[in-house]
Amino acid sequence: MRRLVVSEFLTLDGVMEDPGGAEDFKYGGWSLDYFNEEYLKFKYDELLGSGAMLLGRITYEIFADAWPSRSDPNGFADCMNCMPKYVVSTSLKKLDWQNSHLIKGNVADEVRKLKLQEGKDILVAGSGELVRTLMQHNLVDEYRLMIHPIVLGTGKRLFPDVDGMRALKLVEAKTFSSGIVVFIYHPKANPLHPGVVY
């Protein structure tokens, strides 16, 4: 069975919107000043440890616009382009990016089927609305939250209005010299209902 891993860039106040500057957001590109070799190695190792990506429409369109024309000596772009990508959207009709597959039906059921397959992790990047849906159906196995030392005060947040309490268990923390701290969490069992994960 495959794990589903959510990996997100976040500010100290929980904003996830437009870390790379590809959208129309007044603080777009807020993560770029914090990129360094530690960050690049973490993201490279994360991608190599994954066998597929699961994306919402907006994140998919940003990635599909950026990655097909890129190349790099380490093969990161090749990995992004060749990896199977599963895209959740009700509006997209056609996916042009190599090895992309559309999910239009019941998201929870389709993701459960993907998780039952053999293989490496399924990686979710960005895709806030999708992440909240996955949370509601207890489909996330690991959260990797890259907290940047910056406060924006506005912007879309990863957890703006989650339905019900969620408890997480910290399993690892990494600190980068840029000030980024990566917190890695697993869902925690509900103490009121043993055996039930939040």
N, C-alpha and C. Protein backbone atom coordinates (compact mmCIF):
# COMPACT_ATOMS: atom_id res chain seq x y z
N MET A 1 0.84 -1.20 0.00
CA MET A 1 0.00 0.00 0.00
C MET A 1 0.88 1.24 0.00
N ARG A 2 0.47 2.23 -0.77
CA ARG A 2 1.26 3.46 -0.88
C ARG A 2 0.82 4.48 0.16
N ARG A 3 1.80 5.27 0.62
CA ARG A 3 1.48 6.37 1.53
C ARG A 3 1.12 7.62 0.73
N LEU A 4 0.28 8.46 1.29
CA LEU A 4 -0.03 9.74 0.69
C LEU A 4 0.61 10.83 1.55
N VAL A 5 1.51 11.60 0.95
CA VAL A 5 2.31 12.60 1.65
C VAL A 5 1.96 13.98 1.15
N VAL A 6 1.58 14.86 2.07
CA VAL A 6 1.29 16.26 1.75
C VAL A 6 2.51 17.10 2.10
N SER A 7 3.05 17.83 1.14
CA SER A 7 4.22 18.67 1.36
C SER A 7 3.88 20.10 0.98
N GLU A 8 4.04 21.02 1.94
CA GLU A 8 3.58 22.39 1.72
C GLU A 8 4.60 23.43 2.17
N PHE A 9 4.68 24.52 1.40
CA PHE A 9 5.39 25.73 1.82
C PHE A 9 4.38 26.57 2.61
N LEU A 10 4.75 27.00 3.83
CA LEU A 10 3.86 27.83 4.64
C LEU A 10 4.63 28.97 5.27
N THR A 11 3.94 30.09 5.47
CA THR A 11 4.50 31.18 6.26
C THR A 11 4.20 30.90 7.73
N LEU A 12 4.78 31.72 8.62
CA LEU A 12 4.51 31.56 10.04
C LEU A 12 3.04 31.74 10.38
N ASP A 13 2.32 32.54 9.59
CA ASP A 13 0.89 32.72 9.84
C ASP A 13 0.03 31.81 8.96
N GLY A 14 0.62 30.75 8.44
CA GLY A 14 -0.14 29.70 7.78
C GLY A 14 -0.53 29.93 6.34
N VAL A 15 0.02 30.98 5.69
CA VAL A 15 -0.32 31.26 4.29
C VAL A 15 0.43 30.30 3.39
N MET A 16 -0.30 29.76 2.41
CA MET A 16 0.31 28.85 1.43
C MET A 16 0.27 29.43 0.02
N GLU A 17 -0.39 30.54 -0.16
CA GLU A 17 -0.65 31.08 -1.50
C GLU A 17 0.61 31.56 -2.21
N ASP A 18 0.81 31.07 -3.41
CA ASP A 18 1.78 31.60 -4.37
C ASP A 18 3.20 31.74 -3.83
N PRO A 19 3.80 30.68 -3.28
CA PRO A 19 5.17 30.80 -2.79
C PRO A 19 6.19 31.08 -3.88
N GLY A 20 5.89 30.65 -5.12
CA GLY A 20 6.86 30.81 -6.20
C GLY A 20 6.64 32.01 -7.10
N GLY A 21 5.55 32.74 -6.90
CA GLY A 21 5.30 33.95 -7.68
C GLY A 21 4.65 33.72 -9.02
N ALA A 22 3.90 32.63 -9.18
CA ALA A 22 3.27 32.34 -10.48
C ALA A 22 1.83 32.84 -10.57
N GLU A 23 1.27 33.28 -9.44
CA GLU A 23 -0.13 33.71 -9.43
C GLU A 23 -0.21 35.22 -9.25
N ASP A 24 -1.43 35.73 -9.27
CA ASP A 24 -1.66 37.17 -9.09
C ASP A 24 -1.94 37.46 -7.62
N PHE A 25 -0.87 37.43 -6.81
CA PHE A 25 -0.96 37.66 -5.37
C PHE A 25 0.09 38.69 -5.01
N LYS A 26 -0.29 39.70 -4.23
CA LYS A 26 0.63 40.83 -4.03
C LYS A 26 1.93 40.45 -3.34
N TYR A 27 1.95 39.34 -2.60
CA TYR A 27 3.18 38.89 -1.96
C TYR A 27 3.74 37.64 -2.65
N GLY A 28 3.33 37.38 -3.88
CA GLY A 28 3.77 36.19 -4.60
C GLY A 28 5.28 36.09 -4.67
N GLY A 29 5.79 34.87 -4.54
CA GLY A 29 7.23 34.63 -4.58
C GLY A 29 7.89 34.74 -3.22
N TRP A 30 7.09 34.71 -2.14
CA TRP A 30 7.63 34.93 -0.80
C TRP A 30 8.63 33.87 -0.34
N SER A 31 8.64 32.70 -0.95
CA SER A 31 9.58 31.65 -0.51
C SER A 31 10.94 31.72 -1.19
N LEU A 32 11.05 32.49 -2.27
CA LEU A 32 12.25 32.43 -3.10
C LEU A 32 13.52 32.87 -2.39
N ASP A 33 13.43 33.81 -1.47
CA ASP A 33 14.62 34.28 -0.76
C ASP A 33 15.20 33.24 0.19
N TYR A 34 14.49 32.15 0.43
CA TYR A 34 14.92 31.15 1.41
C TYR A 34 15.47 29.89 0.77
N PHE A 35 15.51 29.86 -0.56
CA PHE A 35 16.04 28.68 -1.24
C PHE A 35 17.54 28.57 -1.01
N ASN A 36 18.02 27.40 -0.70
CA ASN A 36 19.45 27.14 -0.60
C ASN A 36 19.70 25.66 -0.89
N GLU A 37 20.93 25.21 -0.72
CA GLU A 37 21.26 23.82 -1.04
C GLU A 37 20.51 22.83 -0.16
N GLU A 38 20.30 23.18 1.11
CA GLU A 38 19.55 22.27 2.00
C GLU A 38 18.12 22.10 1.50
N TYR A 39 17.52 23.22 1.12
CA TYR A 39 16.15 23.18 0.60
C TYR A 39 16.10 22.32 -0.66
N LEU A 40 17.03 22.56 -1.59
CA LEU A 40 17.03 21.83 -2.86
C LEU A 40 17.22 20.32 -2.64
N LYS A 41 18.10 19.95 -1.72
CA LYS A 41 18.32 18.53 -1.43
C LYS A 41 17.07 17.90 -0.83
N PHE A 42 16.42 18.61 0.07
CA PHE A 42 15.20 18.09 0.69
C PHE A 42 14.14 17.81 -0.37
N LYS A 43 13.92 18.80 -1.25
CA LYS A 43 12.88 18.63 -2.28
C LYS A 43 13.28 17.56 -3.31
N TYR A 44 14.56 17.46 -3.61
CA TYR A 44 15.04 16.44 -4.55
C TYR A 44 14.83 15.05 -3.97
N ASP A 45 15.22 14.86 -2.70
CA ASP A 45 15.06 13.56 -2.05
C ASP A 45 13.58 13.21 -1.93
N GLU A 46 12.77 14.21 -1.66
CA GLU A 46 11.33 14.00 -1.54
C GLU A 46 10.73 13.53 -2.86
N LEU A 47 11.14 14.15 -3.94
CA LEU A 47 10.62 13.77 -5.25
C LEU A 47 11.08 12.36 -5.64
N LEU A 48 12.36 12.05 -5.38
CA LEU A 48 12.87 10.73 -5.72
C LEU A 48 12.22 9.63 -4.89
N GLY A 49 11.73 9.99 -3.70
CA GLY A 49 11.05 9.04 -2.83
C GLY A 49 9.59 8.86 -3.18
N SER A 50 9.13 9.55 -4.21
CA SER A 50 7.73 9.50 -4.62
C SER A 50 7.59 8.78 -5.95
N GLY A 51 6.43 8.14 -6.12
CA GLY A 51 6.17 7.43 -7.37
C GLY A 51 5.09 8.07 -8.20
N ALA A 52 4.41 9.07 -7.63
CA ALA A 52 3.32 9.76 -8.34
C ALA A 52 3.02 11.06 -7.62
N MET A 53 2.38 11.97 -8.34
CA MET A 53 1.91 13.21 -7.74
C MET A 53 0.39 13.27 -7.86
N LEU A 54 -0.24 13.85 -6.84
CA LEU A 54 -1.67 14.10 -6.83
C LEU A 54 -1.84 15.60 -6.67
N LEU A 55 -2.54 16.24 -7.62
CA LEU A 55 -2.60 17.69 -7.67
C LEU A 55 -4.01 18.20 -7.90
N GLY A 56 -4.29 19.37 -7.33
CA GLY A 56 -5.50 20.09 -7.68
C GLY A 56 -5.30 20.85 -8.97
N ARG A 57 -6.37 21.40 -9.51
CA ARG A 57 -6.29 22.04 -10.83
C ARG A 57 -5.32 23.21 -10.87
N ILE A 58 -5.39 24.12 -9.91
CA ILE A 58 -4.55 25.33 -9.96
C ILE A 58 -3.07 24.96 -9.89
N THR A 59 -2.72 24.11 -8.94
CA THR A 59 -1.32 23.71 -8.82
C THR A 59 -0.86 22.97 -10.08
N TYR A 60 -1.72 22.11 -10.61
CA TYR A 60 -1.37 21.40 -11.84
C TYR A 60 -1.09 22.38 -12.98
N GLU A 61 -1.95 23.36 -13.15
CA GLU A 61 -1.76 24.30 -14.26
C GLU A 61 -0.47 25.10 -14.10
N ILE A 62 -0.13 25.46 -12.88
CA ILE A 62 1.13 26.18 -12.63
C ILE A 62 2.33 25.29 -12.98
N PHE A 63 2.29 24.05 -12.49
CA PHE A 63 3.38 23.11 -12.76
C PHE A 63 3.47 22.79 -14.25
N ALA A 64 2.32 22.56 -14.88
CA ALA A 64 2.30 22.19 -16.30
C ALA A 64 2.79 23.32 -17.19
N ASP A 65 2.67 24.54 -16.71
CA ASP A 65 3.18 25.69 -17.46
C ASP A 65 4.69 25.84 -17.30
N ALA A 66 5.21 25.40 -16.15
CA ALA A 66 6.62 25.64 -15.83
C ALA A 66 7.56 24.49 -16.19
N TRP A 67 7.17 23.24 -15.92
CA TRP A 67 8.13 22.15 -15.95
C TRP A 67 8.45 21.53 -17.31
N PRO A 68 7.52 21.41 -18.23
CA PRO A 68 7.85 20.72 -19.48
C PRO A 68 9.03 21.30 -20.25
N SER A 69 9.29 22.58 -20.12
CA SER A 69 10.38 23.21 -20.86
C SER A 69 11.69 23.24 -20.07
N ARG A 70 11.71 22.71 -18.87
CA ARG A 70 12.90 22.80 -18.03
C ARG A 70 13.75 21.54 -18.09
N SER A 71 15.03 21.75 -17.80
CA SER A 71 15.95 20.63 -17.62
C SER A 71 17.00 21.07 -16.61
N ASP A 72 17.64 20.09 -15.97
CA ASP A 72 18.69 20.42 -15.00
C ASP A 72 19.62 19.23 -14.91
N PRO A 73 20.87 19.46 -14.49
CA PRO A 73 21.86 18.37 -14.48
C PRO A 73 21.53 17.27 -13.49
N ASN A 74 20.74 17.57 -12.45
CA ASN A 74 20.42 16.56 -11.43
C ASN A 74 19.22 15.69 -11.81
N GLY A 75 18.51 16.07 -12.86
CA GLY A 75 17.38 15.27 -13.30
C GLY A 75 16.07 15.54 -12.59
N PHE A 76 16.01 16.63 -11.81
CA PHE A 76 14.77 16.95 -11.08
C PHE A 76 13.63 17.20 -12.07
N ALA A 77 13.90 18.01 -13.09
CA ALA A 77 12.86 18.34 -14.08
C ALA A 77 12.41 17.09 -14.83
N ASP A 78 13.36 16.23 -15.19
CA ASP A 78 13.00 14.98 -15.88
C ASP A 78 12.08 14.13 -15.02
N CYS A 79 12.38 14.08 -13.72
CA CYS A 79 11.56 13.30 -12.80
C CYS A 79 10.16 13.89 -12.71
N MET A 80 10.07 15.21 -12.61
CA MET A 80 8.77 15.88 -12.56
C MET A 80 7.97 15.59 -13.82
N ASN A 81 8.61 15.65 -14.95
CA ASN A 81 7.92 15.48 -16.23
C ASN A 81 7.50 14.03 -16.49
N CYS A 82 8.32 13.07 -16.07
CA CYS A 82 8.02 11.66 -16.35
C CYS A 82 7.09 11.02 -15.33
N MET A 83 7.09 11.54 -14.11
CA MET A 83 6.30 10.92 -13.04
C MET A 83 4.80 10.95 -13.36
N PRO A 84 4.06 9.90 -13.03
CA PRO A 84 2.60 9.95 -13.18
C PRO A 84 2.01 11.05 -12.32
N LYS A 85 1.10 11.80 -12.91
CA LYS A 85 0.44 12.90 -12.21
C LYS A 85 -1.07 12.70 -12.29
N TYR A 86 -1.72 12.68 -11.13
CA TYR A 86 -3.17 12.51 -11.05
C TYR A 86 -3.76 13.85 -10.65
N VAL A 87 -4.68 14.33 -11.48
CA VAL A 87 -5.18 15.70 -11.34
C VAL A 87 -6.67 15.68 -11.02
N VAL A 88 -7.04 16.31 -9.91
CA VAL A 88 -8.44 16.39 -9.50
C VAL A 88 -9.02 17.68 -10.04
N SER A 89 -10.00 17.55 -10.94
CA SER A 89 -10.63 18.74 -11.52
C SER A 89 -11.97 18.36 -12.13
N THR A 90 -12.94 19.27 -11.97
CA THR A 90 -14.23 19.10 -12.64
C THR A 90 -14.31 19.96 -13.89
N SER A 91 -13.35 20.87 -14.07
CA SER A 91 -13.42 21.80 -15.19
C SER A 91 -12.45 21.47 -16.33
N LEU A 92 -11.33 20.85 -16.03
CA LEU A 92 -10.37 20.52 -17.07
C LEU A 92 -10.91 19.38 -17.94
N LYS A 93 -10.74 19.52 -19.23
CA LYS A 93 -11.18 18.50 -20.18
C LYS A 93 -10.01 17.70 -20.74
N LYS A 94 -8.83 18.35 -20.79
CA LYS A 94 -7.67 17.74 -21.43
C LYS A 94 -6.42 18.09 -20.64
N LEU A 95 -5.54 17.13 -20.50
CA LEU A 95 -4.28 17.34 -19.78
C LEU A 95 -3.13 17.15 -20.76
N ASP A 96 -2.38 18.21 -21.02
CA ASP A 96 -1.32 18.16 -22.02
C ASP A 96 0.04 17.76 -21.45
N TRP A 97 0.23 17.94 -20.15
CA TRP A 97 1.53 17.61 -19.56
C TRP A 97 1.72 16.10 -19.56
N GLN A 98 2.88 15.69 -19.98
CA GLN A 98 3.24 14.27 -20.08
C GLN A 98 2.83 13.46 -18.85
N ASN A 99 2.23 12.29 -19.09
CA ASN A 99 1.90 11.31 -18.05
C ASN A 99 0.93 11.86 -17.01
N SER A 100 -0.04 12.66 -17.44
CA SER A 100 -1.05 13.21 -16.54
C SER A 100 -2.38 12.49 -16.74
N HIS A 101 -3.09 12.26 -15.63
CA HIS A 101 -4.34 11.51 -15.64
C HIS A 101 -5.39 12.29 -14.85
N LEU A 102 -6.58 12.39 -15.40
CA LEU A 102 -7.64 13.20 -14.81
C LEU A 102 -8.50 12.36 -13.86
N ILE A 103 -8.76 12.92 -12.67
CA ILE A 103 -9.70 12.34 -11.72
C ILE A 103 -10.92 13.25 -11.68
N LYS A 104 -12.06 12.75 -12.12
CA LYS A 104 -13.28 13.56 -12.15
C LYS A 104 -14.35 13.01 -11.23
N GLY A 105 -14.26 11.74 -10.88
CA GLY A 105 -15.31 11.10 -10.09
C GLY A 105 -15.14 11.38 -8.61
N ASN A 106 -15.51 10.42 -7.79
CA ASN A 106 -15.42 10.54 -6.34
C ASN A 106 -13.94 10.57 -5.94
N VAL A 107 -13.49 11.71 -5.46
CA VAL A 107 -12.07 11.90 -5.17
C VAL A 107 -11.58 10.91 -4.12
N ALA A 108 -12.33 10.77 -3.03
CA ALA A 108 -11.90 9.87 -1.95
C ALA A 108 -11.77 8.44 -2.45
N ASP A 109 -12.74 7.97 -3.21
CA ASP A 109 -12.69 6.60 -3.73
C ASP A 109 -11.51 6.40 -4.68
N GLU A 110 -11.29 7.38 -5.56
CA GLU A 110 -10.19 7.26 -6.53
C GLU A 110 -8.83 7.28 -5.84
N VAL A 111 -8.70 8.11 -4.81
CA VAL A 111 -7.43 8.18 -4.09
C VAL A 111 -7.20 6.90 -3.29
N ARG A 112 -8.26 6.36 -2.72
CA ARG A 112 -8.11 5.08 -2.02
C ARG A 112 -7.59 4.00 -2.97
N LYS A 113 -8.10 3.98 -4.19
CA LYS A 113 -7.62 3.01 -5.18
C LYS A 113 -6.15 3.21 -5.49
N LEU A 114 -5.72 4.49 -5.61
CA LEU A 114 -4.31 4.76 -5.87
C LEU A 114 -3.44 4.29 -4.72
N LYS A 115 -3.93 4.49 -3.50
CA LYS A 115 -3.15 4.10 -2.33
C LYS A 115 -3.02 2.58 -2.20
N LEU A 116 -3.96 1.85 -2.74
CA LEU A 116 -3.92 0.39 -2.65
C LEU A 116 -2.89 -0.22 -3.61
N GLN A 117 -2.42 0.58 -4.57
CA GLN A 117 -1.42 0.09 -5.51
C GLN A 117 -0.07 -0.07 -4.83
N GLU A 118 0.77 -0.89 -5.41
CA GLU A 118 2.15 -1.02 -4.94
C GLU A 118 2.95 0.16 -5.48
N GLY A 119 3.94 0.59 -4.75
CA GLY A 119 4.82 1.64 -5.26
C GLY A 119 5.24 2.62 -4.19
N LYS A 120 5.95 3.64 -4.63
CA LYS A 120 6.44 4.69 -3.73
C LYS A 120 5.31 5.63 -3.34
N ASP A 121 5.65 6.60 -2.50
CA ASP A 121 4.68 7.57 -1.99
C ASP A 121 3.95 8.31 -3.11
N ILE A 122 2.74 8.73 -2.79
CA ILE A 122 1.99 9.67 -3.64
C ILE A 122 2.17 11.04 -3.01
N LEU A 123 2.73 11.98 -3.74
CA LEU A 123 3.08 13.29 -3.21
C LEU A 123 2.05 14.33 -3.63
N VAL A 124 1.58 15.10 -2.65
CA VAL A 124 0.67 16.21 -2.90
C VAL A 124 1.41 17.50 -2.59
N ALA A 125 1.46 18.43 -3.55
CA ALA A 125 2.08 19.74 -3.33
C ALA A 125 1.02 20.80 -3.58
N GLY A 126 1.08 21.89 -2.82
CA GLY A 126 0.08 22.95 -2.99
C GLY A 126 -1.31 22.38 -2.82
N SER A 127 -2.23 22.72 -3.75
CA SER A 127 -3.54 22.05 -3.84
C SER A 127 -4.32 22.09 -2.53
N GLY A 128 -4.46 23.29 -1.95
CA GLY A 128 -5.08 23.44 -0.63
C GLY A 128 -6.46 22.84 -0.51
N GLU A 129 -7.33 23.10 -1.47
CA GLU A 129 -8.69 22.57 -1.39
C GLU A 129 -8.68 21.05 -1.43
N LEU A 130 -7.84 20.48 -2.27
CA LEU A 130 -7.70 19.03 -2.35
C LEU A 130 -7.19 18.47 -1.03
N VAL A 131 -6.20 19.11 -0.43
CA VAL A 131 -5.65 18.64 0.84
C VAL A 131 -6.74 18.59 1.91
N ARG A 132 -7.58 19.60 1.96
CA ARG A 132 -8.64 19.61 2.97
C ARG A 132 -9.64 18.47 2.73
N THR A 133 -9.91 18.15 1.47
CA THR A 133 -10.78 17.01 1.15
C THR A 133 -10.13 15.71 1.60
N LEU A 134 -8.85 15.57 1.34
CA LEU A 134 -8.13 14.36 1.75
C LEU A 134 -8.12 14.22 3.27
N MET A 135 -7.97 15.33 3.96
CA MET A 135 -8.01 15.31 5.43
C MET A 135 -9.36 14.82 5.93
N GLN A 136 -10.42 15.35 5.33
CA GLN A 136 -11.77 15.00 5.78
C GLN A 136 -12.02 13.50 5.65
N HIS A 137 -11.36 12.86 4.70
CA HIS A 137 -11.55 11.43 4.48
C HIS A 137 -10.42 10.59 5.06
N ASN A 138 -9.59 11.20 5.92
CA ASN A 138 -8.50 10.50 6.61
C ASN A 138 -7.57 9.76 5.64
N LEU A 139 -7.22 10.43 4.54
CA LEU A 139 -6.40 9.79 3.52
C LEU A 139 -4.93 10.22 3.56
N VAL A 140 -4.60 11.19 4.40
CA VAL A 140 -3.22 11.69 4.47
C VAL A 140 -2.43 10.87 5.49
N ASP A 141 -1.29 10.35 5.06
CA ASP A 141 -0.43 9.56 5.95
C ASP A 141 0.69 10.39 6.56
N GLU A 142 1.08 11.47 5.88
CA GLU A 142 2.18 12.29 6.41
C GLU A 142 2.04 13.71 5.90
N TYR A 143 2.32 14.66 6.79
CA TYR A 143 2.35 16.08 6.45
C TYR A 143 3.79 16.57 6.59
N ARG A 144 4.31 17.23 5.56
CA ARG A 144 5.64 17.86 5.63
C ARG A 144 5.41 19.35 5.44
N LEU A 145 5.50 20.09 6.51
CA LEU A 145 5.19 21.52 6.49
C LEU A 145 6.48 22.31 6.59
N MET A 146 6.82 23.01 5.50
CA MET A 146 8.04 23.81 5.45
C MET A 146 7.70 25.24 5.88
N ILE A 147 7.96 25.53 7.14
CA ILE A 147 7.58 26.83 7.71
C ILE A 147 8.69 27.85 7.43
N HIS A 148 8.32 28.90 6.72
CA HIS A 148 9.26 29.96 6.37
C HIS A 148 9.18 31.08 7.41
N PRO A 149 10.29 31.72 7.76
CA PRO A 149 10.30 32.75 8.79
C PRO A 149 9.79 34.10 8.25
N ILE A 150 8.54 34.11 7.86
CA ILE A 150 7.95 35.33 7.30
C ILE A 150 6.45 35.33 7.63
N VAL A 151 5.92 36.52 7.90
CA VAL A 151 4.49 36.71 8.16
C VAL A 151 3.94 37.63 7.08
N LEU A 152 2.87 37.20 6.42
CA LEU A 152 2.28 38.00 5.35
C LEU A 152 1.02 38.73 5.79
N GLY A 153 0.29 38.16 6.72
CA GLY A 153 -0.91 38.84 7.22
C GLY A 153 -2.14 38.66 6.34
N THR A 154 -1.95 38.13 5.15
CA THR A 154 -3.07 37.91 4.24
C THR A 154 -2.70 36.80 3.28
N GLY A 155 -3.70 36.22 2.64
CA GLY A 155 -3.46 35.14 1.68
C GLY A 155 -4.19 33.87 2.07
N LYS A 156 -4.27 32.95 1.12
CA LYS A 156 -4.97 31.69 1.36
C LYS A 156 -4.15 30.84 2.33
N ARG A 157 -4.88 30.27 3.30
CA ARG A 157 -4.23 29.44 4.30
C ARG A 157 -4.54 27.96 4.07
N LEU A 158 -3.63 27.12 4.51
CA LEU A 158 -3.81 25.69 4.32
C LEU A 158 -4.99 25.16 5.12
N PHE A 159 -5.16 25.66 6.34
CA PHE A 159 -6.23 25.18 7.21
C PHE A 159 -7.15 26.33 7.63
N PRO A 160 -7.85 26.95 6.68
CA PRO A 160 -8.66 28.12 7.04
C PRO A 160 -9.92 27.77 7.81
N ASP A 161 -10.52 26.63 7.52
CA ASP A 161 -11.83 26.33 8.10
C ASP A 161 -12.03 24.83 8.12
N VAL A 162 -11.16 24.13 8.84
CA VAL A 162 -11.22 22.68 8.88
C VAL A 162 -12.40 22.25 9.74
N ASP A 163 -13.15 21.28 9.26
CA ASP A 163 -14.32 20.76 9.98
C ASP A 163 -13.88 19.73 11.01
N GLY A 164 -13.87 20.12 12.28
CA GLY A 164 -13.50 19.19 13.34
C GLY A 164 -12.03 19.26 13.70
N MET A 165 -11.73 18.81 14.90
CA MET A 165 -10.37 18.84 15.44
C MET A 165 -9.49 17.83 14.72
N ARG A 166 -8.23 18.19 14.53
CA ARG A 166 -7.23 17.29 13.98
C ARG A 166 -6.00 17.33 14.88
N ALA A 167 -5.58 16.17 15.34
CA ALA A 167 -4.36 16.09 16.16
C ALA A 167 -3.30 15.38 15.35
N LEU A 168 -2.07 15.89 15.41
CA LEU A 168 -0.97 15.33 14.65
C LEU A 168 0.18 14.99 15.60
N LYS A 169 0.95 13.98 15.22
CA LYS A 169 2.11 13.57 16.00
C LYS A 169 3.36 14.00 15.28
N LEU A 170 4.19 14.80 15.93
CA LEU A 170 5.46 15.23 15.34
C LEU A 170 6.42 14.05 15.32
N VAL A 171 6.92 13.71 14.13
CA VAL A 171 7.86 12.58 14.02
C VAL A 171 9.27 13.03 13.67
N GLU A 172 9.40 14.25 13.16
CA GLU A 172 10.73 14.76 12.81
C GLU A 172 10.67 16.26 12.59
N ALA A 173 11.77 16.93 12.87
CA ALA A 173 11.90 18.35 12.58
C ALA A 173 13.29 18.61 12.02
N LYS A 174 13.35 19.41 10.97
CA LYS A 174 14.63 19.76 10.34
C LYS A 174 14.72 21.27 10.28
N THR A 175 15.88 21.81 10.56
CA THR A 175 16.10 23.25 10.48
C THR A 175 17.13 23.54 9.40
N PHE A 176 16.81 24.47 8.52
CA PHE A 176 17.73 24.89 7.47
C PHE A 176 18.39 26.20 7.87
N SER A 177 19.57 26.44 7.35
CA SER A 177 20.31 27.66 7.70
C SER A 177 19.58 28.92 7.24
N SER A 178 18.67 28.78 6.27
CA SER A 178 17.90 29.92 5.79
C SER A 178 16.82 30.36 6.77
N GLY A 179 16.57 29.53 7.79
CA GLY A 179 15.51 29.84 8.74
C GLY A 179 14.26 28.99 8.54
N ILE A 180 14.19 28.25 7.43
CA ILE A 180 13.07 27.34 7.23
C ILE A 180 13.17 26.19 8.23
N VAL A 181 12.02 25.85 8.82
CA VAL A 181 11.93 24.67 9.67
C VAL A 181 10.90 23.74 9.03
N VAL A 182 11.28 22.48 8.84
CA VAL A 182 10.38 21.48 8.28
C VAL A 182 9.87 20.62 9.43
N PHE A 183 8.57 20.64 9.62
CA PHE A 183 7.93 19.78 10.61
C PHE A 183 7.24 18.64 9.88
N ILE A 184 7.55 17.41 10.28
CA ILE A 184 6.95 16.24 9.66
C ILE A 184 6.02 15.59 10.68
N TYR A 185 4.76 15.47 10.30
CA TYR A 185 3.72 14.97 11.20
C TYR A 185 3.02 13.75 10.61
N HIS A 186 2.55 12.88 11.50
CA HIS A 186 1.65 11.81 11.13
C HIS A 186 0.31 12.04 11.84
N PRO A 187 -0.79 11.62 11.23
CA PRO A 187 -2.07 11.72 11.93
C PRO A 187 -2.02 10.96 13.25
N LYS A 188 -2.69 11.50 14.24
CA LYS A 188 -2.69 10.91 15.58
C LYS A 188 -4.04 10.27 15.86
N ALA A 189 -4.03 9.15 16.57
CA ALA A 189 -5.28 8.48 16.90
C ALA A 189 -6.15 9.36 17.79
N ASN A 190 -7.45 9.25 17.63
CA ASN A 190 -8.42 10.01 18.43
C ASN A 190 -8.53 9.37 19.81
N PRO A 191 -8.17 10.10 20.88
CA PRO A 191 -8.22 9.49 22.23
C PRO A 191 -9.64 9.15 22.68
N LEU A 192 -10.63 9.80 22.11
CA LEU A 192 -12.02 9.53 22.48
C LEU A 192 -12.57 8.28 21.79
N HIS A 193 -11.94 7.94 20.66
CA HIS A 193 -12.38 6.78 19.88
C HIS A 193 -11.14 6.00 19.43
N PRO A 194 -10.60 5.14 20.29
CA PRO A 194 -9.38 4.40 19.92
C PRO A 194 -9.53 3.68 18.58
N GLY A 195 -8.48 3.73 17.81
CA GLY A 195 -8.49 3.09 16.50
C GLY A 195 -8.96 4.02 15.40
N VAL A 196 -9.52 5.17 15.76
CA VAL A 196 -9.98 6.13 14.77
C VAL A 196 -8.96 7.25 14.66
N VAL A 197 -8.52 7.53 13.45
CA VAL A 197 -7.54 8.60 13.22
C VAL A 197 -8.28 9.87 12.87
N TYR A 198 -7.79 10.99 13.38
CA TYR A 198 -8.42 12.28 13.09
C TYR A 198 -8.42 12.53 11.60
